[in-house]
Amino acid sequence: MSTSSSRIDFLLNMLAKKPDDARAHFGLAVEYERLGRWDEVVSHLERYLDLADDEGNGFARLGRAFRRIGKEQEAREAFQRGIESALRHGHPSLAAELEDELKEEDL
């Protein structure tokens, strides 16, 4: 069993016990991101964002995942929400990075 598979199994077991565990959803999104399983990345990040007060990183990852599956409008919205969240939490460099991503990708 690969390390990624064992982490995924561990996180899925956590969610079986506590379906609203924001950290487990975020962790699964990261693991699926490593595997390029973009639909699952989106699903777990959307659930994470419903449960947590994200500081911008989750929205950034969601925007990139949407971009990977060709959903440009959703990507733009995620990046814009990430900018707002990053600024609200005092992370101007992350906000600037997301603004640059919007410009570079012409979303």
Protein backbone atom coordinates (compact mmCIF):
# COMPACT_ATOMS: atom_id res chain seq x y z
CA MET A 1 0.00 0.00 0.00
CA SER A 2 1.40 3.40 -0.93
CA THR A 3 1.86 6.15 1.60
CA SER A 4 -0.80 8.23 -0.13
CA SER A 5 -3.26 5.32 -0.05
CA SER A 6 -2.68 4.76 3.66
CA ARG A 7 -3.22 8.49 4.36
CA ILE A 8 -6.40 8.45 2.28
CA ASP A 9 -7.65 5.37 4.15
CA PHE A 10 -6.84 7.02 7.48
CA LEU A 11 -8.69 10.22 6.53
CA LEU A 12 -11.69 8.33 5.14
CA ASN A 13 -11.90 6.43 8.44
CA MET A 14 -11.84 9.75 10.29
CA LEU A 15 -14.72 11.01 8.14
CA ALA A 16 -16.67 7.81 8.72
CA LYS A 17 -16.58 8.61 12.43
CA LYS A 18 -16.95 12.38 12.12
CA PRO A 19 -18.30 13.47 8.69
CA ASP A 20 -17.97 17.17 9.50
CA ASP A 21 -14.26 17.10 10.31
CA ALA A 22 -12.95 20.03 8.26
CA ARG A 23 -9.31 18.97 8.68
CA ALA A 24 -10.03 15.51 7.29
CA HIS A 25 -11.75 17.02 4.24
CA PHE A 26 -8.81 19.34 3.67
CA GLY A 27 -6.34 16.50 4.13
CA LEU A 28 -8.18 14.33 1.62
CA ALA A 29 -8.21 17.19 -0.87
CA VAL A 30 -4.42 17.50 -0.54
CA GLU A 31 -3.93 13.75 -1.03
CA TYR A 32 -6.24 13.66 -4.05
CA GLU A 33 -4.45 16.72 -5.42
CA ARG A 34 -1.16 14.77 -5.36
CA LEU A 35 -2.86 12.04 -7.38
CA GLY A 36 -4.49 14.43 -9.86
CA ARG A 37 -7.98 13.34 -8.87
CA TRP A 38 -9.45 16.79 -9.43
CA ASP A 39 -13.16 16.05 -9.02
CA GLU A 40 -12.45 14.61 -5.57
CA VAL A 41 -10.24 17.59 -4.75
CA VAL A 42 -13.12 19.91 -5.59
CA SER A 43 -15.63 17.86 -3.60
CA HIS A 44 -13.56 17.78 -0.42
CA LEU A 45 -12.44 21.40 -0.66
CA GLU A 46 -16.02 22.57 -1.12
CA ARG A 47 -17.03 20.61 1.99
CA TYR A 48 -14.01 21.95 3.91
CA LEU A 49 -14.92 25.51 2.94
CA ASP A 50 -18.50 24.94 4.14
CA LEU A 51 -17.13 23.89 7.53
CA ALA A 52 -14.10 26.12 8.13
CA ASP A 53 -13.14 29.79 8.14
CA ASP A 54 -10.46 29.45 5.49
CA GLU A 55 -7.64 31.98 5.39
CA GLY A 56 -7.24 31.76 1.62
CA ASN A 57 -5.26 28.58 0.99
CA GLY A 58 -8.34 26.37 0.58
CA PHE A 59 -9.87 28.78 -1.91
CA ALA A 60 -6.56 28.95 -3.80
CA ARG A 61 -6.42 25.16 -4.06
CA LEU A 62 -10.08 25.06 -5.11
CA GLY A 63 -9.47 27.63 -7.85
CA ARG A 64 -6.54 25.61 -9.19
CA ALA A 65 -8.57 22.40 -9.11
CA PHE A 66 -11.46 24.04 -10.97
CA ARG A 67 -8.98 25.32 -13.53
CA ARG A 68 -7.64 21.76 -14.02
CA ILE A 69 -11.12 20.48 -14.90
CA GLY A 70 -11.88 23.42 -17.17
CA LYS A 71 -14.32 25.32 -14.97
CA GLU A 72 -12.94 28.82 -15.45
CA GLN A 73 -15.86 30.76 -13.95
CA GLU A 74 -15.80 28.64 -10.79
CA ALA A 75 -12.01 29.07 -10.63
CA ARG A 76 -12.35 32.84 -10.88
CA GLU A 77 -14.93 32.88 -8.09
CA ALA A 78 -12.76 30.69 -5.85
CA PHE A 79 -9.71 32.89 -6.42
CA GLN A 80 -11.74 36.04 -5.69
CA ARG A 81 -13.11 34.53 -2.47
CA GLY A 82 -9.56 33.48 -1.58
CA ILE A 83 -8.34 37.06 -2.05
CA GLU A 84 -11.10 38.37 0.21
CA SER A 85 -10.40 35.71 2.83
CA ALA A 86 -6.64 36.24 2.74
CA LEU A 87 -7.06 39.99 3.22
CA ARG A 88 -9.58 39.50 6.04
CA HIS A 89 -7.09 37.24 7.84
CA GLY A 90 -4.09 39.50 7.30
CA HIS A 91 -2.36 37.60 4.49
CA PRO A 92 -1.71 40.27 1.83
CA SER A 93 1.03 38.24 0.10
CA LEU A 94 -1.39 35.34 -0.52
CA ALA A 95 -3.99 37.80 -1.78
CA ALA A 96 -1.42 39.28 -4.18
CA GLU A 97 -0.42 35.78 -5.35
CA LEU A 98 -4.05 34.97 -6.13
CA GLU A 99 -4.51 38.28 -7.94
CA ASP A 100 -1.46 37.40 -10.06
CA GLU A 101 -2.92 33.98 -10.82
CA LEU A 102 -6.11 35.59 -12.03
CA LYS A 103 -4.15 37.88 -14.35
CA GLU A 104 -1.77 35.16 -15.60
CA GLU A 105 -4.50 32.72 -16.43
CA ASP A 106 -6.75 35.43 -17.83
CA LEU A 107 -9.71 34.01 -15.92
